PDB file of N, CA and C in Angstrom:
ATOM      1  N   MET A   1      -4.236   8.798  15.084  1.00  0.00           N
ATOM      2  CA  MET A   1      -4.063   7.490  15.658  1.00  0.00           C
ATOM      3  C   MET A   1      -3.651   6.501  14.558  1.00  0.00           C
ATOM      4  N   ALA A   2      -2.624   5.720  14.836  1.00  0.00           N
ATOM      5  CA  ALA A   2      -2.101   4.774  13.855  1.00  0.00           C
ATOM      6  C   ALA A   2      -3.057   3.599  13.676  1.00  0.00           C
ATOM      7  N   LYS A   3      -3.072   3.064  12.458  1.00  0.00           N
ATOM      8  CA  LYS A   3      -3.915   1.901  12.189  1.00  0.00           C
ATOM      9  C   LYS A   3      -3.317   0.669  12.863  1.00  0.00           C
ATOM     10  N   GLU A   4      -4.175  -0.248  13.183  1.00  0.00           N
ATOM     11  CA  GLU A   4      -3.801  -1.532  13.778  1.00  0.00           C
ATOM     12  C   GLU A   4      -3.026  -2.360  12.746  1.00  0.00           C
ATOM     13  N   LEU A   5      -2.011  -3.104  13.179  1.00  0.00           N
ATOM     14  CA  LEU A   5      -1.267  -3.998  12.292  1.00  0.00           C
ATOM     15  C   LEU A   5      -1.873  -5.392  12.360  1.00  0.00           C
ATOM     16  N   ILE A   6      -1.910  -6.047  11.206  1.00  0.00           N
ATOM     17  CA  ILE A   6      -2.342  -7.440  11.151  1.00  0.00           C
ATOM     18  C   ILE A   6      -1.231  -8.260  10.515  1.00  0.00           C
ATOM     19  N   ARG A   7      -1.158  -9.532  10.866  1.00  0.00           N
ATOM     20  CA  ARG A   7      -0.147 -10.417  10.283  1.00  0.00           C
ATOM     21  C   ARG A   7      -0.792 -11.250   9.189  1.00  0.00           C
ATOM     22  N   VAL A   8      -0.137 -11.243   8.013  1.00  0.00           N
ATOM     23  CA  VAL A   8      -0.540 -12.074   6.885  1.00  0.00           C
ATOM     24  C   VAL A   8       0.712 -12.789   6.389  1.00  0.00           C
ATOM     25  N   GLU A   9       0.541 -13.661   5.426  1.00  0.00           N
ATOM     26  CA  GLU A   9       1.675 -14.346   4.816  1.00  0.00           C
ATOM     27  C   GLU A   9       1.637 -14.130   3.308  1.00  0.00           C
ATOM     28  N   VAL A  10       2.826 -14.112   2.715  1.00  0.00           N
ATOM     29  CA  VAL A  10       2.952 -14.042   1.263  1.00  0.00           C
ATOM     30  C   VAL A  10       3.710 -15.290   0.834  1.00  0.00           C
ATOM     31  N   ALA A  11       3.143 -16.039  -0.114  1.00  0.00           N
ATOM     32  CA  ALA A  11       3.721 -17.313  -0.538  1.00  0.00           C
ATOM     33  C   ALA A  11       3.980 -17.323  -2.044  1.00  0.00           C
ATOM     34  N   TYR A  12       5.092 -17.975  -2.403  1.00  0.00           N
ATOM     35  CA  TYR A  12       5.422 -18.189  -3.811  1.00  0.00           C
ATOM     36  C   TYR A  12       6.163 -19.509  -3.894  1.00  0.00           C
ATOM     37  N   ALA A  13       5.950 -20.242  -4.971  1.00  0.00           N
ATOM     38  CA  ALA A  13       6.613 -21.537  -5.118  1.00  0.00           C
ATOM     39  C   ALA A  13       7.028 -21.775  -6.561  1.00  0.00           C
ATOM     40  N   ARG A  14       8.234 -22.301  -6.675  1.00  0.00           N
ATOM     41  CA  ARG A  14       8.730 -22.852  -7.935  1.00  0.00           C
ATOM     42  C   ARG A  14       8.913 -24.343  -7.685  1.00  0.00           C
ATOM     43  N   PRO A  15       9.128 -25.130  -8.721  1.00  0.00           N
ATOM     44  CA  PRO A  15       9.345 -26.566  -8.484  1.00  0.00           C
ATOM     45  C   PRO A  15      10.531 -26.846  -7.557  1.00  0.00           C
ATOM     46  N   ASP A  16      11.532 -25.976  -7.572  1.00  0.00           N
ATOM     47  CA  ASP A  16      12.742 -26.221  -6.785  1.00  0.00           C
ATOM     48  C   ASP A  16      12.820 -25.441  -5.475  1.00  0.00           C
ATOM     49  N   LYS A  17      11.925 -24.481  -5.265  1.00  0.00           N
ATOM     50  CA  LYS A  17      12.022 -23.635  -4.079  1.00  0.00           C
ATOM     51  C   LYS A  17      10.661 -23.035  -3.743  1.00  0.00           C
ATOM     52  N   GLN A  18      10.309 -23.080  -2.463  1.00  0.00           N
ATOM     53  CA  GLN A  18       9.069 -22.482  -1.992  1.00  0.00           C
ATOM     54  C   GLN A  18       9.396 -21.573  -0.817  1.00  0.00           C
ATOM     55  N   LEU A  19       8.593 -20.532  -0.657  1.00  0.00           N
ATOM     56  CA  LEU A  19       8.835 -19.599   0.430  1.00  0.00           C
ATOM     57  C   LEU A  19       7.522 -18.981   0.892  1.00  0.00           C
ATOM     58  N   ILE A  20       7.335 -18.946   2.213  1.00  0.00           N
ATOM     59  CA  ILE A  20       6.196 -18.256   2.824  1.00  0.00           C
ATOM     60  C   ILE A  20       6.776 -17.235   3.789  1.00  0.00           C
ATOM     61  N   LEU A  21       6.479 -15.970   3.545  1.00  0.00           N
ATOM     62  CA  LEU A  21       7.009 -14.889   4.376  1.00  0.00           C
ATOM     63  C   LEU A  21       5.902 -14.258   5.216  1.00  0.00           C
ATOM     64  N   PRO A  22       6.091 -14.196   6.533  1.00  0.00           N
ATOM     65  CA  PRO A  22       5.129 -13.466   7.359  1.00  0.00           C
ATOM     66  C   PRO A  22       5.335 -11.962   7.184  1.00  0.00           C
ATOM     67  N   VAL A  23       4.240 -11.217   7.124  1.00  0.00           N
ATOM     68  CA  VAL A  23       4.311  -9.773   6.907  1.00  0.00           C
ATOM     69  C   VAL A  23       3.286  -9.087   7.808  1.00  0.00           C
ATOM     70  N   ASP A  24       3.707  -8.022   8.464  1.00  0.00           N
ATOM     71  CA  ASP A  24       2.782  -7.191   9.234  1.00  0.00           C
ATOM     72  C   ASP A  24       2.401  -5.999   8.376  1.00  0.00           C
ATOM     73  N   VAL A  25       1.102  -5.866   8.114  1.00  0.00           N
ATOM     74  CA  VAL A  25       0.597  -4.763   7.299  1.00  0.00           C
ATOM     75  C   VAL A  25      -0.482  -4.033   8.089  1.00  0.00           C
ATOM     76  N   GLU A  26      -0.763  -2.807   7.689  1.00  0.00           N
ATOM     77  CA  GLU A  26      -1.830  -2.048   8.341  1.00  0.00           C
ATOM     78  C   GLU A  26      -3.176  -2.646   7.981  1.00  0.00           C
ATOM     79  N   GLU A  27      -4.089  -2.619   8.930  1.00  0.00           N
ATOM     80  CA  GLU A  27      -5.447  -3.056   8.675  1.00  0.00           C
ATOM     81  C   GLU A  27      -5.984  -2.262   7.491  1.00  0.00           C
ATOM     82  N   GLY A  28      -6.655  -2.941   6.567  1.00  0.00           N
ATOM     83  CA  GLY A  28      -7.152  -2.287   5.368  1.00  0.00           C
ATOM     84  C   GLY A  28      -6.208  -2.403   4.181  1.00  0.00           C
ATOM     85  N   SER A  29      -5.033  -3.034   4.377  1.00  0.00           N
ATOM     86  CA  SER A  29      -4.078  -3.216   3.282  1.00  0.00           C
ATOM     87  C   SER A  29      -4.599  -4.240   2.284  1.00  0.00           C
ATOM     88  N   THR A  30      -4.122  -4.124   1.059  1.00  0.00           N
ATOM     89  CA  THR A  30      -4.546  -5.021  -0.010  1.00  0.00           C
ATOM     90  C   THR A  30      -3.518  -6.124  -0.235  1.00  0.00           C
ATOM     91  N   ALA A  31      -3.907  -7.103  -1.047  1.00  0.00           N
ATOM     92  CA  ALA A  31      -3.013  -8.211  -1.367  1.00  0.00           C
ATOM     93  C   ALA A  31      -1.720  -7.704  -2.008  1.00  0.00           C
ATOM     94  N   VAL A  32      -1.834  -6.764  -2.923  1.00  0.00           N
ATOM     95  CA  VAL A  32      -0.628  -6.251  -3.580  1.00  0.00           C
ATOM     96  C   VAL A  32       0.235  -5.445  -2.599  1.00  0.00           C
ATOM     97  N   ASP A  33      -0.381  -4.793  -1.619  1.00  0.00           N
ATOM     98  CA  ASP A  33       0.393  -4.095  -0.584  1.00  0.00           C
ATOM     99  C   ASP A  33       1.263  -5.091   0.178  1.00  0.00           C
ATOM    100  N   ALA A  34       0.671  -6.228   0.537  1.00  0.00           N
ATOM    101  CA  ALA A  34       1.407  -7.250   1.283  1.00  0.00           C
ATOM    102  C   ALA A  34       2.551  -7.821   0.455  1.00  0.00           C
ATOM    103  N   VAL A  35       2.297  -8.070  -0.826  1.00  0.00           N
ATOM    104  CA  VAL A  35       3.352  -8.589  -1.707  1.00  0.00           C
ATOM    105  C   VAL A  35       4.501  -7.590  -1.779  1.00  0.00           C
ATOM    106  N   ASN A  36       4.184  -6.326  -1.973  1.00  0.00           N
ATOM    107  CA  ASN A  36       5.224  -5.299  -2.065  1.00  0.00           C
ATOM    108  C   ASN A  36       6.010  -5.177  -0.768  1.00  0.00           C
ATOM    109  N   LYS A  37       5.324  -5.243   0.364  1.00  0.00           N
ATOM    110  CA  LYS A  37       5.988  -5.092   1.648  1.00  0.00           C
ATOM    111  C   LYS A  37       6.814  -6.324   2.031  1.00  0.00           C
ATOM    112  N   SER A  38       6.462  -7.479   1.483  1.00  0.00           N
ATOM    113  CA  SER A  38       7.124  -8.735   1.861  1.00  0.00           C
ATOM    114  C   SER A  38       8.587  -8.811   1.439  1.00  0.00           C
ATOM    115  N   GLY A  39       8.940  -8.129   0.366  1.00  0.00           N
ATOM    116  CA  GLY A  39      10.302  -8.223  -0.159  1.00  0.00           C
ATOM    117  C   GLY A  39      10.564  -9.535  -0.886  1.00  0.00           C
ATOM    118  N   ILE A  40       9.518 -10.217  -1.284  1.00  0.00           N
ATOM    119  CA  ILE A  40       9.667 -11.522  -1.929  1.00  0.00           C
ATOM    120  C   ILE A  40      10.433 -11.427  -3.250  1.00  0.00           C
ATOM    121  N   GLN A  41      10.416 -10.256  -3.869  1.00  0.00           N
ATOM    122  CA  GLN A  41      11.133 -10.079  -5.136  1.00  0.00           C
ATOM    123  C   GLN A  41      12.644 -10.256  -4.968  1.00  0.00           C
ATOM    124  N   GLU A  42      13.160 -10.080  -3.752  1.00  0.00           N
ATOM    125  CA  GLU A  42      14.585 -10.319  -3.499  1.00  0.00           C
ATOM    126  C   GLU A  42      14.922 -11.803  -3.608  1.00  0.00           C
ATOM    127  N   HIS A  43      13.967 -12.672  -3.285  1.00  0.00           N
ATOM    128  CA  HIS A  43      14.178 -14.111  -3.339  1.00  0.00           C
ATOM    129  C   HIS A  43      13.829 -14.693  -4.705  1.00  0.00           C
ATOM    130  N   PHE A  44      12.898 -14.062  -5.399  1.00  0.00           N
ATOM    131  CA  PHE A  44      12.418 -14.551  -6.693  1.00  0.00           C
ATOM    132  C   PHE A  44      12.355 -13.391  -7.686  1.00  0.00           C
ATOM    133  N   PRO A  45      13.499 -12.981  -8.242  1.00  0.00           N
ATOM    134  CA  PRO A  45      13.507 -11.826  -9.145  1.00  0.00           C
ATOM    135  C   PRO A  45      12.725 -12.053 -10.444  1.00  0.00           C
ATOM    136  N   GLU A  46      12.377 -13.300 -10.745  1.00  0.00           N
ATOM    137  CA  GLU A  46      11.642 -13.583 -11.982  1.00  0.00           C
ATOM    138  C   GLU A  46      10.164 -13.223 -11.900  1.00  0.00           C
ATOM    139  N   ILE A  47       9.651 -12.897 -10.727  1.00  0.00           N
ATOM    140  CA  ILE A  47       8.236 -12.543 -10.591  1.00  0.00           C
ATOM    141  C   ILE A  47       7.956 -11.271 -11.390  1.00  0.00           C
ATOM    142  N   ASP A  48       6.954 -11.344 -12.263  1.00  0.00           N
ATOM    143  CA  ASP A  48       6.565 -10.197 -13.089  1.00  0.00           C
ATOM    144  C   ASP A  48       5.505  -9.395 -12.334  1.00  0.00           C
ATOM    145  N   PHE A  49       5.918  -8.303 -11.706  1.00  0.00           N
ATOM    146  CA  PHE A  49       5.009  -7.518 -10.879  1.00  0.00           C
ATOM    147  C   PHE A  49       4.003  -6.712 -11.693  1.00  0.00           C
ATOM    148  N   ASP A  50       4.203  -6.651 -13.004  1.00  0.00           N
ATOM    149  CA  ASP A  50       3.232  -5.961 -13.858  1.00  0.00           C
ATOM    150  C   ASP A  50       2.072  -6.876 -14.245  1.00  0.00           C
ATOM    151  N   ALA A  51       2.248  -8.182 -14.047  1.00  0.00           N
ATOM    152  CA  ALA A  51       1.209  -9.145 -14.438  1.00  0.00           C
ATOM    153  C   ALA A  51       0.933 -10.125 -13.296  1.00  0.00           C
ATOM    154  N   LEU A  52       0.842  -9.616 -12.077  1.00  0.00           N
ATOM    155  CA  LEU A  52       0.631 -10.484 -10.919  1.00  0.00           C
ATOM    156  C   LEU A  52      -0.721 -11.183 -10.964  1.00  0.00           C
ATOM    157  N   LYS A  53      -0.705 -12.475 -10.730  1.00  0.00           N
ATOM    158  CA  LYS A  53      -1.916 -13.271 -10.528  1.00  0.00           C
ATOM    159  C   LYS A  53      -1.851 -13.703  -9.068  1.00  0.00           C
ATOM    160  N   LEU A  54      -2.826 -13.277  -8.278  1.00  0.00           N
ATOM    161  CA  LEU A  54      -2.809 -13.518  -6.843  1.00  0.00           C
ATOM    162  C   LEU A  54      -4.024 -14.310  -6.396  1.00  0.00           C
ATOM    163  N   GLY A  55      -3.882 -14.947  -5.246  1.00  0.00           N
ATOM    164  CA  GLY A  55      -4.989 -15.635  -4.619  1.00  0.00           C
ATOM    165  C   GLY A  55      -4.829 -15.567  -3.116  1.00  0.00           C
ATOM    166  N   VAL A  56      -5.899 -15.876  -2.415  1.00  0.00           N
ATOM    167  CA  VAL A  56      -5.861 -15.977  -0.958  1.00  0.00           C
ATOM    168  C   VAL A  56      -6.402 -17.355  -0.616  1.00  0.00           C
ATOM    169  N   PHE A  57      -5.553 -18.163   0.006  1.00  0.00           N
ATOM    170  CA  PHE A  57      -5.910 -19.541   0.362  1.00  0.00           C
ATOM    171  C   PHE A  57      -6.475 -20.319  -0.818  1.00  0.00           C
ATOM    172  N   GLY A  58      -5.801 -20.226  -1.977  1.00  0.00           N
ATOM    173  CA  GLY A  58      -6.171 -21.034  -3.129  1.00  0.00           C
ATOM    174  C   GLY A  58      -7.306 -20.503  -3.985  1.00  0.00           C
ATOM    175  N   LYS A  59      -7.837 -19.348  -3.660  1.00  0.00           N
ATOM    176  CA  LYS A  59      -8.906 -18.756  -4.474  1.00  0.00           C
ATOM    177  C   LYS A  59      -8.386 -17.485  -5.123  1.00  0.00           C
ATOM    178  N   ALA A  60      -8.508 -17.409  -6.438  1.00  0.00           N
ATOM    179  CA  ALA A  60      -8.029 -16.233  -7.169  1.00  0.00           C
ATOM    180  C   ALA A  60      -8.691 -14.965  -6.640  1.00  0.00           C
ATOM    181  N   GLN A  61      -7.898 -13.930  -6.494  1.00  0.00           N
ATOM    182  CA  GLN A  61      -8.380 -12.644  -5.990  1.00  0.00           C
ATOM    183  C   GLN A  61      -7.760 -11.518  -6.817  1.00  0.00           C
ATOM    184  N   LYS A  62      -8.409 -10.384  -6.799  1.00  0.00           N
ATOM    185  CA  LYS A  62      -7.851  -9.195  -7.453  1.00  0.00           C
ATOM    186  C   LYS A  62      -6.765  -8.618  -6.550  1.00  0.00           C
ATOM    187  N   PRO A  63      -5.787  -7.941  -7.132  1.00  0.00           N
ATOM    188  CA  PRO A  63      -4.712  -7.349  -6.317  1.00  0.00           C
ATOM    189  C   PRO A  63      -5.208  -6.365  -5.262  1.00  0.00           C
ATOM    190  N   ASP A  64      -6.383  -5.756  -5.501  1.00  0.00           N
ATOM    191  CA  ASP A  64      -6.890  -4.768  -4.541  1.00  0.00           C
ATOM    192  C   ASP A  64      -7.796  -5.382  -3.468  1.00  0.00           C
ATOM    193  N   THR A  65      -7.773  -6.698  -3.345  1.00  0.00           N
ATOM    194  CA  THR A  65      -8.547  -7.378  -2.301  1.00  0.00           C
ATOM    195  C   THR A  65      -8.013  -6.983  -0.927  1.00  0.00           C
ATOM    196  N   VAL A  66      -8.896  -6.541  -0.051  1.00  0.00           N
ATOM    197  CA  VAL A  66      -8.496  -6.146   1.305  1.00  0.00           C
ATOM    198  C   VAL A  66      -8.294  -7.412   2.138  1.00  0.00           C
ATOM    199  N   LEU A  67      -7.172  -7.443   2.846  1.00  0.00           N
ATOM    200  CA  LEU A  67      -6.799  -8.620   3.625  1.00  0.00           C
ATOM    201  C   LEU A  67      -7.336  -8.591   5.042  1.00  0.00           C
ATOM    202  N   ARG A  68      -7.453  -9.790   5.613  1.00  0.00           N
ATOM    203  CA  ARG A  68      -7.806  -9.946   7.023  1.00  0.00           C
ATOM    204  C   ARG A  68      -6.645 -10.639   7.724  1.00  0.00           C
ATOM    205  N   ALA A  69      -6.563 -10.494   9.018  1.00  0.00           N
ATOM    206  CA  ALA A  69      -5.494 -11.125   9.798  1.00  0.00           C
ATOM    207  C   ALA A  69      -5.479 -12.624   9.512  1.00  0.00           C
ATOM    208  N   GLY A  70      -4.289 -13.155   9.274  1.00  0.00           N
ATOM    209  CA  GLY A  70      -4.126 -14.582   9.046  1.00  0.00           C
ATOM    210  C   GLY A  70      -4.225 -15.015   7.600  1.00  0.00           C
ATOM    211  N   ASP A  71      -4.582 -14.108   6.684  1.00  0.00           N
ATOM    212  CA  ASP A  71      -4.683 -14.471   5.268  1.00  0.00           C
ATOM    213  C   ASP A  71      -3.312 -14.855   4.718  1.00  0.00           C
ATOM    214  N   ARG A  72      -3.316 -15.774   3.732  1.00  0.00           N
ATOM    215  CA  ARG A  72      -2.088 -16.131   3.017  1.00  0.00           C
ATOM    216  C   ARG A  72      -2.274 -15.709   1.564  1.00  0.00           C
ATOM    217  N   VAL A  73      -1.497 -14.730   1.133  1.00  0.00           N
ATOM    218  CA  VAL A  73      -1.526 -14.256  -0.251  1.00  0.00           C
ATOM    219  C   VAL A  73      -0.597 -15.148  -1.058  1.00  0.00           C
ATOM    220  N   GLU A  74      -1.119 -15.737  -2.114  1.00  0.00           N
ATOM    221  CA  GLU A  74      -0.329 -16.623  -2.964  1.00  0.00           C
ATOM    222  C   GLU A  74      -0.091 -15.954  -4.315  1.00  0.00           C
ATOM    223  N   ILE A  75       1.148 -15.995  -4.748  1.00  0.00           N
ATOM    224  CA  ILE A  75       1.519 -15.454  -6.057  1.00  0.00           C
ATOM    225  C   ILE A  75       1.573 -16.642  -7.012  1.00  0.00           C
ATOM    226  N   TYR A  76       0.783 -16.577  -8.075  1.00  0.00           N
ATOM    227  CA  TYR A  76       0.713 -17.690  -9.010  1.00  0.00           C
ATOM    228  C   TYR A  76       1.645 -17.472 -10.195  1.00  0.00           C
ATOM    229  N   ARG A  77       2.317 -18.558 -10.588  1.00  0.00           N
ATOM    230  CA  ARG A  77       3.170 -18.527 -11.772  1.00  0.00           C
ATOM    231  C   ARG A  77       2.300 -18.706 -13.016  1.00  0.00           C
ATOM    232  N   PRO A  78       2.774 -18.210 -14.163  1.00  0.00           N
ATOM    233  CA  PRO A  78       2.016 -18.436 -15.402  1.00  0.00           C
ATOM    234  C   PRO A  78       1.994 -19.934 -15.728  1.00  0.00           C
ATOM    235  N   LEU A  79       0.899 -20.388 -16.335  1.00  0.00           N
ATOM    236  CA  LEU A  79       0.813 -21.784 -16.746  1.00  0.00           C
ATOM    237  C   LEU A  79       1.773 -22.041 -17.894  1.00  0.00           C
ATOM    238  N   ILE A  80       2.430 -23.211 -17.866  1.00  0.00           N
ATOM    239  CA  ILE A  80       3.332 -23.550 -18.966  1.00  0.00           C
ATOM    240  C   ILE A  80       2.623 -24.383 -20.026  1.00  0.00           C
ATOM    241  N   ALA A  81       1.446 -24.918 -19.685  1.00  0.00           N
ATOM    242  CA  ALA A  81       0.658 -25.687 -20.648  1.00  0.00           C
ATOM    243  C   ALA A  81      -0.821 -25.420 -20.385  1.00  0.00           C
ATOM    244  N   ASP A  82      -1.590 -25.468 -21.435  1.00  0.00           N
ATOM    245  CA  ASP A  82      -3.031 -25.302 -21.318  1.00  0.00           C
ATOM    246  C   ASP A  82      -3.610 -26.585 -20.713  1.00  0.00           C
ATOM    247  N   PRO A  83      -4.280 -26.506 -19.558  1.00  0.00           N
ATOM    248  CA  PRO A  83      -4.799 -27.713 -18.915  1.00  0.00           C
ATOM    249  C   PRO A  83      -5.760 -28.518 -19.797  1.00  0.00           C
ATOM    250  N   LYS A  84      -6.593 -27.838 -20.585  1.00  0.00           N
ATOM    251  CA  LYS A  84      -7.529 -28.547 -21.464  1.00  0.00           C
ATOM    252  C   LYS A  84      -6.772 -29.336 -22.533  1.00  0.00           C
ATOM    253  N   GLU A  85      -5.747 -28.716 -23.094  1.00  0.00           N
ATOM    254  CA  GLU A  85      -4.949 -29.384 -24.116  1.00  0.00           C
ATOM    255  C   GLU A  85      -4.211 -30.587 -23.525  1.00  0.00           C
ATOM    256  N   SER A  86      -3.698 -30.445 -22.319  1.00  0.00           N
ATOM    257  CA  SER A  86      -2.997 -31.551 -21.653  1.00  0.00           C
ATOM    258  C   SER A  86      -3.939 -32.728 -21.415  1.00  0.00           C
ATOM    259  N   ARG A  87      -5.158 -32.460 -20.954  1.00  0.00           N
ATOM    260  CA  ARG A  87      -6.146 -33.532 -20.735  1.00  0.00           C
ATOM    261  C   ARG A  87      -6.511 -34.218 -22.051  1.00  0.00           C
ATOM    262  N   ARG A  88      -6.659 -33.424 -23.108  1.00  0.00           N
ATOM    263  CA  ARG A  88      -6.996 -33.994 -24.406  1.00  0.00           C
ATOM    264  C   ARG A  88      -5.901 -34.947 -24.882  1.00  0.00           C
ATOM    265  N   ARG A  89      -4.636 -34.537 -24.729  1.00  0.00           N
ATOM    266  CA  ARG A  89      -3.515 -35.391 -25.141  1.00  0.00           C
ATOM    267  C   ARG A  89      -3.468 -36.683 -24.324  1.00  0.00           C
ATOM    268  N   ARG A  90      -3.705 -36.576 -23.013  1.00  0.00           N
ATOM    269  CA  ARG A  90      -3.692 -37.780 -22.163  1.00  0.00           C
ATOM    270  C   ARG A  90      -4.812 -38.728 -22.575  1.00  0.00           C
ATOM    271  N   ALA A  91      -5.989 -38.185 -22.863  1.00  0.00           N
ATOM    272  CA  ALA A  91      -7.126 -39.022 -23.276  1.00  0.00           C
ATOM    273  C   ALA A  91      -6.816 -39.734 -24.595  1.00  0.00           C
ATOM    274  N   GLU A  92      -6.206 -39.033 -25.527  1.00  0.00           N
ATOM    275  CA  GLU A  92      -5.838 -39.645 -26.809  1.00  0.00           C
ATOM    276  C   GLU A  92      -4.793 -40.737 -26.610  1.00  0.00           C
ATOM    277  N   ALA A  93      -3.846 -40.514 -25.724  1.00  0.00           N
ATOM    278  CA  ALA A  93      -2.803 -41.504 -25.470  1.00  0.00           C
ATOM    279  C   ALA A  93      -3.382 -42.759 -24.827  1.00  0.00           C
ATOM    280  N   GLU A  94      -4.386 -42.605 -23.969  1.00  0.00           N
ATOM    281  CA  GLU A  94      -5.019 -43.756 -23.312  1.00  0.00           C
ATOM    282  C   GLU A  94      -5.820 -44.589 -24.310  1.00  0.00           C
ATOM    283  N   LYS A  95      -6.364 -43.931 -25.330  1.00  0.00           N
ATOM    284  CA  LYS A  95      -7.141 -44.667 -26.339  1.00  0.00           C
ATOM    285  C   LYS A  95      -6.244 -45.570 -27.178  1.00  0.00           C
ATOM    286  N   SER A  96      -5.012 -45.117 -27.425  1.00  0.00           N
ATOM    287  CA  SER A  96      -4.142 -45.903 -28.304  1.00  0.00           C
ATOM    288  C   SER A  96      -3.325 -46.935 -27.573  1.00  0.00           C
TER     289      SER A  96
END
């Protein structure tokens, strides 16, 4: 007997382009399964699939997290600046 299909979404965003793709995956599929099945790499070839940072609805998750119907898997881009360092610089600039 075939497994039940559930619908999830895979999301990725750059400053100039955002995309949310609906994907039907088998019940019990993981976040990385959904990303692979979504075909999002065709739209964003710069995604490094060897170093994926994923989340579900804004909370960081491991790639092997099992999904539930309606989940949105988010692919996170690497940070371009250290947030602590950025806050420190802003605080110093406000003092002067």
